[in-house]
Every structure is written in C-alpha cells, then in structure tokens.
Amino acid sequence: MANNWNIPDWLEKEVRERDKTCIYCGVKFTSTKISKKTAASWEHIINDERIITRENIALCCCGCNASKGAKKVSDWLKSKYCIERGINADSVALIVKQAINNGQ
C-alpha cells in the first residue's frame, strides 16, 4: 500500500499496529466521515520528512497534527492548545516521551 510520505509498507503496518490512539492526546481514531479532527494522520515527531524510522513516524489525530505543525514537541507542549487539553510530557505516548528525552 503506497502512501504520500514514502513510509515503507513494513513500517506503516508496524505503526498502525502500535498507534491505536493519538500519540499526543490519546483520542481514539475515527473515520474522516465521523470527524476529520479525530481521524488518524501521519506524524513526523521530529519535523523532518527525511527521518523515516519507527522512532519518528507515528499516528496522531488531525487536530493535534494541525496544532503542532512544524513546532518542536517540547515547545508545542507549552502551547495553549496542549494546556487546555491537558497534553503534557507525562500524558503523551511512550514514543513521544522518548523523543522529548532525546531533545525534542
């Protein structure tokens, strides 16, 4: 199955099995027909599309992805969006915690 982000099939399968909810806010993904905001979208935790690794590719909801944009995770966690939703370094998925520990 091809995708627009050059993510290899094996990695896409692995990430889809790992990330059943948003890695940031924890919302359960829905289809875009139910809500575009809670639909799954591909995320580069370190905002560099050349880093296509299991540590950097994840699934998050469209709401979080749109809010984060090109921001560094640690900076984004200080945003009004995260504060209002209780998203912080303790509440995010393990993969995000690892990125934060590595300076993101």
PDB file of N, CA and C in Angstrom:
ATOM      1  N   MET A   1       0.851  -1.196   0.000  1.00  0.00           N
ATOM      2  CA  MET A   1       0.000   0.000   0.000  1.00  0.00           C
ATOM      3  C   MET A   1       0.887   1.246   0.000  1.00  0.00           C
ATOM      4  N   ALA A   2       0.787   2.024  -1.014  1.00  0.00           N
ATOM      5  CA  ALA A   2       1.610   3.233  -1.119  1.00  0.00           C
ATOM      6  C   ALA A   2       0.985   4.371  -0.325  1.00  0.00           C
ATOM      7  N   ASN A   3       1.820   5.259   0.161  1.00  0.00           N
ATOM      8  CA  ASN A   3       1.317   6.452   0.827  1.00  0.00           C
ATOM      9  C   ASN A   3       2.120   7.645   0.333  1.00  0.00           C
ATOM     10  N   ASN A   4       1.682   8.837   0.678  1.00  0.00           N
ATOM     11  CA  ASN A   4       2.299  10.062   0.158  1.00  0.00           C
ATOM     12  C   ASN A   4       3.557  10.485   0.903  1.00  0.00           C
ATOM     13  N   TRP A   5       3.942   9.731   1.936  1.00  0.00           N
ATOM     14  CA  TRP A   5       5.055  10.179   2.782  1.00  0.00           C
ATOM     15  C   TRP A   5       6.265   9.278   2.679  1.00  0.00           C
ATOM     16  N   ASN A   6       6.298   8.410   1.656  1.00  0.00           N
ATOM     17  CA  ASN A   6       7.426   7.492   1.443  1.00  0.00           C
ATOM     18  C   ASN A   6       7.683   6.571   2.630  1.00  0.00           C
ATOM     19  N   ILE A   7       6.638   6.273   3.377  1.00  0.00           N
ATOM     20  CA  ILE A   7       6.768   5.360   4.512  1.00  0.00           C
ATOM     21  C   ILE A   7       6.673   3.938   3.953  1.00  0.00           C
ATOM     22  N   PRO A   8       7.700   3.121   4.182  1.00  0.00           N
ATOM     23  CA  PRO A   8       7.643   1.754   3.643  1.00  0.00           C
ATOM     24  C   PRO A   8       6.491   0.948   4.238  1.00  0.00           C
ATOM     25  N   ASP A   9       6.000  -0.005   3.462  1.00  0.00           N
ATOM     26  CA  ASP A   9       4.856  -0.822   3.890  1.00  0.00           C
ATOM     27  C   ASP A   9       5.070  -1.450   5.265  1.00  0.00           C
ATOM     28  N   TRP A  10       6.267  -2.018   5.497  1.00  0.00           N
ATOM     29  CA  TRP A  10       6.526  -2.706   6.773  1.00  0.00           C
ATOM     30  C   TRP A  10       6.406  -1.736   7.946  1.00  0.00           C
ATOM     31  N   LEU A  11       6.873  -0.491   7.741  1.00  0.00           N
ATOM     32  CA  LEU A  11       6.823   0.491   8.821  1.00  0.00           C
ATOM     33  C   LEU A  11       5.398   0.996   9.024  1.00  0.00           C
ATOM     34  N   GLU A  12       4.693   1.208   7.937  1.00  0.00           N
ATOM     35  CA  GLU A  12       3.298   1.636   8.044  1.00  0.00           C
ATOM     36  C   GLU A  12       2.497   0.605   8.837  1.00  0.00           C
ATOM     37  N   LYS A  13       2.681  -0.663   8.533  1.00  0.00           N
ATOM     38  CA  LYS A  13       1.973  -1.746   9.228  1.00  0.00           C
ATOM     39  C   LYS A  13       2.334  -1.732  10.719  1.00  0.00           C
ATOM     40  N   GLU A  14       3.620  -1.619  11.018  1.00  0.00           N
ATOM     41  CA  GLU A  14       4.084  -1.617  12.408  1.00  0.00           C
ATOM     42  C   GLU A  14       3.494  -0.433  13.194  1.00  0.00           C
ATOM     43  N   VAL A  15       3.512   0.740  12.585  1.00  0.00           N
ATOM     44  CA  VAL A  15       2.999   1.938  13.259  1.00  0.00           C
ATOM     45  C   VAL A  15       1.490   1.828  13.465  1.00  0.00           C
ATOM     46  N   ARG A  16       0.771   1.345  12.457  1.00  0.00           N
ATOM     47  CA  ARG A  16      -0.687   1.190  12.591  1.00  0.00           C
ATOM     48  C   ARG A  16      -1.039   0.197  13.707  1.00  0.00           C
ATOM     49  N   GLU A  17      -0.214  -0.821  13.896  1.00  0.00           N
ATOM     50  CA  GLU A  17      -0.454  -1.781  14.977  1.00  0.00           C
ATOM     51  C   GLU A  17      -0.120  -1.173  16.334  1.00  0.00           C
ATOM     52  N   ARG A  18       0.879  -0.318  16.392  1.00  0.00           N
ATOM     53  CA  ARG A  18       1.316   0.290  17.655  1.00  0.00           C
ATOM     54  C   ARG A  18       0.408   1.446  18.077  1.00  0.00           C
ATOM     55  N   ASP A  19       0.080   2.326  17.154  1.00  0.00           N
ATOM     56  CA  ASP A  19      -0.634   3.561  17.485  1.00  0.00           C
ATOM     57  C   ASP A  19      -2.124   3.429  17.184  1.00  0.00           C
ATOM     58  N   LYS A  20      -2.869   2.984  18.177  1.00  0.00           N
ATOM     59  CA  LYS A  20      -4.324   2.814  18.019  1.00  0.00           C
ATOM     60  C   LYS A  20      -5.072   4.076  18.445  1.00  0.00           C
ATOM     61  N   THR A  21      -4.369   4.950  19.179  1.00  0.00           N
ATOM     62  CA  THR A  21      -4.941   6.232  19.608  1.00  0.00           C
ATOM     63  C   THR A  21      -3.896   7.307  19.334  1.00  0.00           C
ATOM     64  N   CYS A  22      -4.305   8.556  19.393  1.00  0.00           N
ATOM     65  CA  CYS A  22      -3.394   9.674  19.133  1.00  0.00           C
ATOM     66  C   CYS A  22      -2.225   9.631  20.118  1.00  0.00           C
ATOM     67  N   ILE A  23      -1.008   9.728  19.606  1.00  0.00           N
ATOM     68  CA  ILE A  23       0.182   9.676  20.466  1.00  0.00           C
ATOM     69  C   ILE A  23       0.292  10.900  21.367  1.00  0.00           C
ATOM     70  N   TYR A  24      -0.469  11.934  21.063  1.00  0.00           N
ATOM     71  CA  TYR A  24      -0.418  13.154  21.871  1.00  0.00           C
ATOM     72  C   TYR A  24      -1.582  13.258  22.860  1.00  0.00           C
ATOM     73  N   CYS A  25      -2.810  13.235  22.342  1.00  0.00           N
ATOM     74  CA  CYS A  25      -3.962  13.464  23.235  1.00  0.00           C
ATOM     75  C   CYS A  25      -4.663  12.175  23.654  1.00  0.00           C
ATOM     76  N   GLY A  26      -4.353  11.061  22.983  1.00  0.00           N
ATOM     77  CA  GLY A  26      -4.925   9.779  23.365  1.00  0.00           C
ATOM     78  C   GLY A  26      -6.316   9.494  22.815  1.00  0.00           C
ATOM     79  N   VAL A  27      -6.857  10.384  21.988  1.00  0.00           N
ATOM     80  CA  VAL A  27      -8.190  10.163  21.436  1.00  0.00           C
ATOM     81  C   VAL A  27      -8.187   8.917  20.544  1.00  0.00           C
ATOM     82  N   LYS A  28      -9.289   8.180  20.586  1.00  0.00           N
ATOM     83  CA  LYS A  28      -9.439   7.015  19.718  1.00  0.00           C
ATOM     84  C   LYS A  28      -9.748   7.534  18.318  1.00  0.00           C
ATOM     85  N   PHE A  29      -9.027   7.006  17.334  1.00  0.00           N
ATOM     86  CA  PHE A  29      -9.213   7.480  15.964  1.00  0.00           C
ATOM     87  C   PHE A  29     -10.599   7.135  15.429  1.00  0.00           C
ATOM     88  N   THR A  30     -11.136   8.037  14.621  1.00  0.00           N
ATOM     89  CA  THR A  30     -12.417   7.828  13.954  1.00  0.00           C
ATOM     90  C   THR A  30     -12.186   7.927  12.450  1.00  0.00           C
ATOM     91  N   SER A  31     -13.196   7.577  11.695  1.00  0.00           N
ATOM     92  CA  SER A  31     -13.082   7.787  10.252  1.00  0.00           C
ATOM     93  C   SER A  31     -13.308   9.274   9.973  1.00  0.00           C
ATOM     94  N   THR A  32     -12.811   9.743   8.846  1.00  0.00           N
ATOM     95  CA  THR A  32     -12.985  11.156   8.496  1.00  0.00           C
ATOM     96  C   THR A  32     -14.458  11.495   8.329  1.00  0.00           C
ATOM     97  N   LYS A  33     -15.306  10.486   8.027  1.00  0.00           N
ATOM     98  CA  LYS A  33     -16.743  10.731   7.889  1.00  0.00           C
ATOM     99  C   LYS A  33     -17.350  11.149   9.232  1.00  0.00           C
ATOM    100  N   ILE A  34     -16.824  10.586  10.335  1.00  0.00           N
ATOM    101  CA  ILE A  34     -17.334  10.929  11.666  1.00  0.00           C
ATOM    102  C   ILE A  34     -16.770  12.280  12.103  1.00  0.00           C
ATOM    103  N   SER A  35     -15.450  12.428  12.009  1.00  0.00           N
ATOM    104  CA  SER A  35     -14.813  13.701  12.377  1.00  0.00           C
ATOM    105  C   SER A  35     -13.417  13.762  11.797  1.00  0.00           C
ATOM    106  N   LYS A  36     -13.161  14.789  11.009  1.00  0.00           N
ATOM    107  CA  LYS A  36     -11.818  14.979  10.445  1.00  0.00           C
ATOM    108  C   LYS A  36     -10.817  15.225  11.576  1.00  0.00           C
ATOM    109  N   LYS A  37     -11.268  15.910  12.622  1.00  0.00           N
ATOM    110  CA  LYS A  37     -10.393  16.275  13.740  1.00  0.00           C
ATOM    111  C   LYS A  37      -9.818  15.059  14.463  1.00  0.00           C
ATOM    112  N   THR A  38     -10.610  13.997  14.603  1.00  0.00           N
ATOM    113  CA  THR A  38     -10.158  12.809  15.322  1.00  0.00           C
ATOM    114  C   THR A  38      -9.731  11.676  14.383  1.00  0.00           C
ATOM    115  N   ALA A  39      -9.615  11.968  13.101  1.00  0.00           N
ATOM    116  CA  ALA A  39      -9.106  10.978  12.154  1.00  0.00           C
ATOM    117  C   ALA A  39      -7.591  10.869  12.320  1.00  0.00           C
ATOM    118  N   ALA A  40      -7.046   9.698  12.028  1.00  0.00           N
ATOM    119  CA  ALA A  40      -5.601   9.483  12.148  1.00  0.00           C
ATOM    120  C   ALA A  40      -4.862  10.200  11.026  1.00  0.00           C
ATOM    121  N   SER A  41      -3.707  10.765  11.376  1.00  0.00           N
ATOM    122  CA  SER A  41      -2.843  11.355  10.363  1.00  0.00           C
ATOM    123  C   SER A  41      -1.398  10.991  10.687  1.00  0.00           C
ATOM    124  N   TRP A  42      -0.581  10.932   9.654  1.00  0.00           N
ATOM    125  CA  TRP A  42       0.828  10.584   9.835  1.00  0.00           C
ATOM    126  C   TRP A  42       1.550  11.745  10.470  1.00  0.00           C
ATOM    127  N   GLU A  43       2.431  11.424  11.395  1.00  0.00           N
ATOM    128  CA  GLU A  43       3.176  12.433  12.128  1.00  0.00           C
ATOM    129  C   GLU A  43       4.668  12.108  12.113  1.00  0.00           C
ATOM    130  N   HIS A  44       5.471  13.122  11.805  1.00  0.00           N
ATOM    131  CA  HIS A  44       6.919  13.033  11.997  1.00  0.00           C
ATOM    132  C   HIS A  44       7.165  13.739  13.329  1.00  0.00           C
ATOM    133  N   ILE A  45       7.497  12.989  14.369  1.00  0.00           N
ATOM    134  CA  ILE A  45       7.665  13.587  15.691  1.00  0.00           C
ATOM    135  C   ILE A  45       8.754  14.655  15.636  1.00  0.00           C
ATOM    136  N   ILE A  46       9.903  14.297  15.058  1.00  0.00           N
ATOM    137  CA  ILE A  46      10.915  15.305  14.730  1.00  0.00           C
ATOM    138  C   ILE A  46      10.512  15.772  13.342  1.00  0.00           C
ATOM    139  N   ASN A  47      10.234  17.036  13.207  1.00  0.00           N
ATOM    140  CA  ASN A  47       9.623  17.535  11.973  1.00  0.00           C
ATOM    141  C   ASN A  47      10.623  17.574  10.815  1.00  0.00           C
ATOM    142  N   ASP A  48      11.012  16.379  10.368  1.00  0.00           N
ATOM    143  CA  ASP A  48      11.931  16.242   9.239  1.00  0.00           C
ATOM    144  C   ASP A  48      11.468  15.032   8.447  1.00  0.00           C
ATOM    145  N   GLU A  49      10.909  15.288   7.284  1.00  0.00           N
ATOM    146  CA  GLU A  49      10.312  14.199   6.500  1.00  0.00           C
ATOM    147  C   GLU A  49      11.337  13.189   6.010  1.00  0.00           C
ATOM    148  N   ARG A  50      12.618  13.508   6.141  1.00  0.00           N
ATOM    149  CA  ARG A  50      13.645  12.547   5.735  1.00  0.00           C
ATOM    150  C   ARG A  50      13.884  11.482   6.805  1.00  0.00           C
ATOM    151  N   ILE A  51      13.435  11.727   8.036  1.00  0.00           N
ATOM    152  CA  ILE A  51      13.635  10.761   9.117  1.00  0.00           C
ATOM    153  C   ILE A  51      12.438   9.812   9.156  1.00  0.00           C
ATOM    154  N   ILE A  52      12.593   8.704   8.451  1.00  0.00           N
ATOM    155  CA  ILE A  52      11.502   7.731   8.347  1.00  0.00           C
ATOM    156  C   ILE A  52      11.916   6.491   9.126  1.00  0.00           C
ATOM    157  N   THR A  53      11.753   6.583  10.445  1.00  0.00           N
ATOM    158  CA  THR A  53      12.123   5.488  11.341  1.00  0.00           C
ATOM    159  C   THR A  53      10.956   5.190  12.268  1.00  0.00           C
ATOM    160  N   ARG A  54      10.996   4.029  12.915  1.00  0.00           N
ATOM    161  CA  ARG A  54       9.926   3.666  13.852  1.00  0.00           C
ATOM    162  C   ARG A  54       9.915   4.609  15.049  1.00  0.00           C
ATOM    163  N   GLU A  55      11.035   5.304  15.320  1.00  0.00           N
ATOM    164  CA  GLU A  55      11.092   6.256  16.432  1.00  0.00           C
ATOM    165  C   GLU A  55      10.514   7.622  16.067  1.00  0.00           C
ATOM    166  N   ASN A  56      10.368   7.883  14.767  1.00  0.00           N
ATOM    167  CA  ASN A  56       9.916   9.207  14.348  1.00  0.00           C
ATOM    168  C   ASN A  56       8.562   9.220  13.648  1.00  0.00           C
ATOM    169  N   ILE A  57       8.147   8.103  13.098  1.00  0.00           N
ATOM    170  CA  ILE A  57       6.861   8.042  12.391  1.00  0.00           C
ATOM    171  C   ILE A  57       5.807   7.513  13.353  1.00  0.00           C
ATOM    172  N   ALA A  58       4.690   8.225  13.430  1.00  0.00           N
ATOM    173  CA  ALA A  58       3.627   7.832  14.349  1.00  0.00           C
ATOM    174  C   ALA A  58       2.293   8.297  13.785  1.00  0.00           C
ATOM    175  N   LEU A  59       1.222   7.944  14.496  1.00  0.00           N
ATOM    176  CA  LEU A  59      -0.107   8.401  14.126  1.00  0.00           C
ATOM    177  C   LEU A  59      -0.641   9.315  15.228  1.00  0.00           C
ATOM    178  N   CYS A  60      -1.171  10.446  14.811  1.00  0.00           N
ATOM    179  CA  CYS A  60      -1.830  11.330  15.766  1.00  0.00           C
ATOM    180  C   CYS A  60      -3.115  11.820  15.121  1.00  0.00           C
ATOM    181  N   CYS A  61      -3.977  12.427  15.915  1.00  0.00           N
ATOM    182  CA  CYS A  61      -5.230  12.924  15.350  1.00  0.00           C
ATOM    183  C   CYS A  61      -4.938  14.191  14.530  1.00  0.00           C
ATOM    184  N   CYS A  62      -5.814  14.483  13.596  1.00  0.00           N
ATOM    185  CA  CYS A  62      -5.630  15.654  12.732  1.00  0.00           C
ATOM    186  C   CYS A  62      -5.622  16.948  13.543  1.00  0.00           C
ATOM    187  N   GLY A  63      -6.382  16.975  14.648  1.00  0.00           N
ATOM    188  CA  GLY A  63      -6.407  18.169  15.499  1.00  0.00           C
ATOM    189  C   GLY A  63      -5.039  18.468  16.084  1.00  0.00           C
ATOM    190  N   CYS A  64      -4.403  17.446  16.667  1.00  0.00           N
ATOM    191  CA  CYS A  64      -3.062  17.640  17.242  1.00  0.00           C
ATOM    192  C   CYS A  64      -2.039  17.935  16.148  1.00  0.00           C
ATOM    193  N   ASN A  65      -2.132  17.232  15.026  1.00  0.00           N
ATOM    194  CA  ASN A  65      -1.174  17.436  13.945  1.00  0.00           C
ATOM    195  C   ASN A  65      -1.246  18.872  13.424  1.00  0.00           C
ATOM    196  N   ALA A  66      -2.450  19.377  13.250  1.00  0.00           N
ATOM    197  CA  ALA A  66      -2.618  20.750  12.760  1.00  0.00           C
ATOM    198  C   ALA A  66      -2.083  21.751  13.778  1.00  0.00           C
ATOM    199  N   SER A  67      -2.317  21.494  15.055  1.00  0.00           N
ATOM    200  CA  SER A  67      -1.847  22.395  16.099  1.00  0.00           C
ATOM    201  C   SER A  67      -0.324  22.367  16.213  1.00  0.00           C
ATOM    202  N   LYS A  68       0.265  21.185  16.169  1.00  0.00           N
ATOM    203  CA  LYS A  68       1.719  21.062  16.332  1.00  0.00           C
ATOM    204  C   LYS A  68       2.458  21.658  15.141  1.00  0.00           C
ATOM    205  N   GLY A  69       1.979  21.370  13.939  1.00  0.00           N
ATOM    206  CA  GLY A  69       2.647  21.896  12.753  1.00  0.00           C
ATOM    207  C   GLY A  69       4.125  21.551  12.751  1.00  0.00           C
ATOM    208  N   ALA A  70       4.984  22.547  12.548  1.00  0.00           N
ATOM    209  CA  ALA A  70       6.434  22.328  12.472  1.00  0.00           C
ATOM    210  C   ALA A  70       7.142  22.575  13.802  1.00  0.00           C
ATOM    211  N   LYS A  71       6.355  22.740  14.861  1.00  0.00           N
ATOM    212  CA  LYS A  71       6.964  23.037  16.170  1.00  0.00           C
ATOM    213  C   LYS A  71       7.703  21.827  16.737  1.00  0.00           C
ATOM    214  N   LYS A  72       8.707  22.110  17.540  1.00  0.00           N
ATOM    215  CA  LYS A  72       9.404  21.076  18.307  1.00  0.00           C
ATOM    216  C   LYS A  72       8.427  20.612  19.387  1.00  0.00           C
ATOM    217  N   VAL A  73       8.401  19.318  19.694  1.00  0.00           N
ATOM    218  CA  VAL A  73       7.437  18.768  20.660  1.00  0.00           C
ATOM    219  C   VAL A  73       7.474  19.538  21.980  1.00  0.00           C
ATOM    220  N   SER A  74       8.679  19.739  22.534  1.00  0.00           N
ATOM    221  CA  SER A  74       8.785  20.389  23.847  1.00  0.00           C
ATOM    222  C   SER A  74       8.218  21.813  23.817  1.00  0.00           C
ATOM    223  N   ASP A  75       8.347  22.507  22.685  1.00  0.00           N
ATOM    224  CA  ASP A  75       7.770  23.854  22.554  1.00  0.00           C
ATOM    225  C   ASP A  75       6.259  23.775  22.416  1.00  0.00           C
ATOM    226  N   TRP A  76       5.792  22.822  21.602  1.00  0.00           N
ATOM    227  CA  TRP A  76       4.353  22.680  21.365  1.00  0.00           C
ATOM    228  C   TRP A  76       3.610  22.337  22.651  1.00  0.00           C
ATOM    229  N   LEU A  77       4.225  21.531  23.515  1.00  0.00           N
ATOM    230  CA  LEU A  77       3.566  21.140  24.768  1.00  0.00           C
ATOM    231  C   LEU A  77       3.270  22.343  25.667  1.00  0.00           C
ATOM    232  N   LYS A  78       3.935  23.471  25.429  1.00  0.00           N
ATOM    233  CA  LYS A  78       3.698  24.695  26.212  1.00  0.00           C
ATOM    234  C   LYS A  78       2.593  25.554  25.596  1.00  0.00           C
ATOM    235  N   SER A  79       2.051  25.122  24.460  1.00  0.00           N
ATOM    236  CA  SER A  79       1.042  25.917  23.747  1.00  0.00           C
ATOM    237  C   SER A  79      -0.307  25.885  24.455  1.00  0.00           C
ATOM    238  N   LYS A  80      -1.121  26.874  24.140  1.00  0.00           N
ATOM    239  CA  LYS A  80      -2.481  26.967  24.689  1.00  0.00           C
ATOM    240  C   LYS A  80      -3.278  25.700  24.345  1.00  0.00           C
ATOM    241  N   TYR A  81      -3.111  25.208  23.135  1.00  0.00           N
ATOM    242  CA  TYR A  81      -3.818  24.001  22.685  1.00  0.00           C
ATOM    243  C   TYR A  81      -3.554  22.846  23.659  1.00  0.00           C
ATOM    244  N   CYS A  82      -2.285  22.595  23.964  1.00  0.00           N
ATOM    245  CA  CYS A  82      -1.921  21.481  24.856  1.00  0.00           C
ATOM    246  C   CYS A  82      -2.370  21.742  26.284  1.00  0.00           C
ATOM    247  N   ILE A  83      -2.154  22.951  26.756  1.00  0.00           N
ATOM    248  CA  ILE A  83      -2.525  23.294  28.134  1.00  0.00           C
ATOM    249  C   ILE A  83      -4.025  23.098  28.343  1.00  0.00           C
ATOM    250  N   GLU A  84      -4.832  23.585  27.398  1.00  0.00           N
ATOM    251  CA  GLU A  84      -6.291  23.462  27.513  1.00  0.00           C
ATOM    252  C   GLU A  84      -6.754  22.011  27.496  1.00  0.00           C
ATOM    253  N   ARG A  85      -5.996  21.138  26.828  1.00  0.00           N
ATOM    254  CA  ARG A  85      -6.405  19.737  26.686  1.00  0.00           C
ATOM    255  C   ARG A  85      -5.673  18.806  27.661  1.00  0.00           C
ATOM    256  N   GLY A  86      -4.837  19.361  28.499  1.00  0.00           N
ATOM    257  CA  GLY A  86      -4.107  18.540  29.463  1.00  0.00           C
ATOM    258  C   GLY A  86      -3.057  17.645  28.819  1.00  0.00           C
ATOM    259  N   ILE A  87      -2.547  18.063  27.658  1.00  0.00           N
ATOM    260  CA  ILE A  87      -1.498  17.293  26.968  1.00  0.00           C
ATOM    261  C   ILE A  87      -0.156  17.786  27.503  1.00  0.00           C
ATOM    262  N   ASN A  88       0.625  16.877  28.073  1.00  0.00           N
ATOM    263  CA  ASN A  88       1.920  17.280  28.611  1.00  0.00           C
ATOM    264  C   ASN A  88       2.904  16.119  28.509  1.00  0.00           C
ATOM    265  N   ALA A  89       4.130  16.357  28.938  1.00  0.00           N
ATOM    266  CA  ALA A  89       5.194  15.353  28.809  1.00  0.00           C
ATOM    267  C   ALA A  89       4.861  14.062  29.537  1.00  0.00           C
ATOM    268  N   ASP A  90       4.003  14.120  30.557  1.00  0.00           N
ATOM    269  CA  ASP A  90       3.625  12.910  31.288  1.00  0.00           C
ATOM    270  C   ASP A  90       2.464  12.163  30.641  1.00  0.00           C
ATOM    271  N   SER A  91       1.631  12.879  29.873  1.00  0.00           N
ATOM    272  CA  SER A  91       0.412  12.257  29.335  1.00  0.00           C
ATOM    273  C   SER A  91       0.590  11.676  27.930  1.00  0.00           C
ATOM    274  N   VAL A  92       1.644  12.064  27.229  1.00  0.00           N
ATOM    275  CA  VAL A  92       1.831  11.606  25.846  1.00  0.00           C
ATOM    276  C   VAL A  92       2.301  10.152  25.804  1.00  0.00           C
ATOM    277  N   ALA A  93       2.217   9.544  24.632  1.00  0.00           N
ATOM    278  CA  ALA A  93       2.630   8.151  24.437  1.00  0.00           C
ATOM    279  C   ALA A  93       4.137   8.000  24.640  1.00  0.00           C
ATOM    280  N   LEU A  94       4.552   6.785  24.943  1.00  0.00           N
ATOM    281  CA  LEU A  94       5.954   6.476  25.197  1.00  0.00           C
ATOM    282  C   LEU A  94       6.868   6.966  24.070  1.00  0.00           C
ATOM    283  N   ILE A  95       6.458   6.789  22.824  1.00  0.00           N
ATOM    284  CA  ILE A  95       7.289   7.200  21.694  1.00  0.00           C
ATOM    285  C   ILE A  95       7.580   8.705  21.745  1.00  0.00           C
ATOM    286  N   VAL A  96       6.619   9.493  22.210  1.00  0.00           N
ATOM    287  CA  VAL A  96       6.809  10.945  22.323  1.00  0.00           C
ATOM    288  C   VAL A  96       7.730  11.253  23.503  1.00  0.00           C
ATOM    289  N   LYS A  97       7.533  10.549  24.605  1.00  0.00           N
ATOM    290  CA  LYS A  97       8.410  10.734  25.782  1.00  0.00           C
ATOM    291  C   LYS A  97       9.858  10.473  25.401  1.00  0.00           C
ATOM    292  N   GLN A  98      10.089   9.442  24.589  1.00  0.00           N
ATOM    293  CA  GLN A  98      11.448   9.128  24.148  1.00  0.00           C
ATOM    294  C   GLN A  98      12.022  10.254  23.290  1.00  0.00           C
ATOM    295  N   ALA A  99      11.193  10.835  22.422  1.00  0.00           N
ATOM    296  CA  ALA A  99      11.646  11.956  21.585  1.00  0.00           C
ATOM    297  C   ALA A  99      11.996  13.167  22.455  1.00  0.00           C
ATOM    298  N   ILE A 100      11.172  13.429  23.471  1.00  0.00           N
ATOM    299  CA  ILE A 100      11.428  14.557  24.388  1.00  0.00           C
ATOM    300  C   ILE A 100      12.747  14.318  25.123  1.00  0.00           C
ATOM    301  N   ASN A 101      12.956  13.088  25.588  1.00  0.00           N
ATOM    302  CA  ASN A 101      14.199  12.749  26.294  1.00  0.00           C
ATOM    303  C   ASN A 101      15.423  12.895  25.387  1.00  0.00           C
ATOM    304  N   ASN A 102      15.204  12.800  24.077  1.00  0.00           N
ATOM    305  CA  ASN A 102      16.298  12.957  23.107  1.00  0.00           C
ATOM    306  C   ASN A 102      16.427  14.389  22.611  1.00  0.00           C
ATOM    307  N   GLY A 103      15.788  15.330  23.314  1.00  0.00           N
ATOM    308  CA  GLY A 103      15.952  16.732  22.982  1.00  0.00           C
ATOM    309  C   GLY A 103      14.903  17.339  22.077  1.00  0.00           C
ATOM    310  N   GLN A 104      13.812  16.629  21.855  1.00  0.00           N
ATOM    311  CA  GLN A 104      12.741  17.183  21.027  1.00  0.00           C
ATOM    312  C   GLN A 104      11.697  17.819  21.899  1.00  0.00           C
TER     313      GLN A 104
END
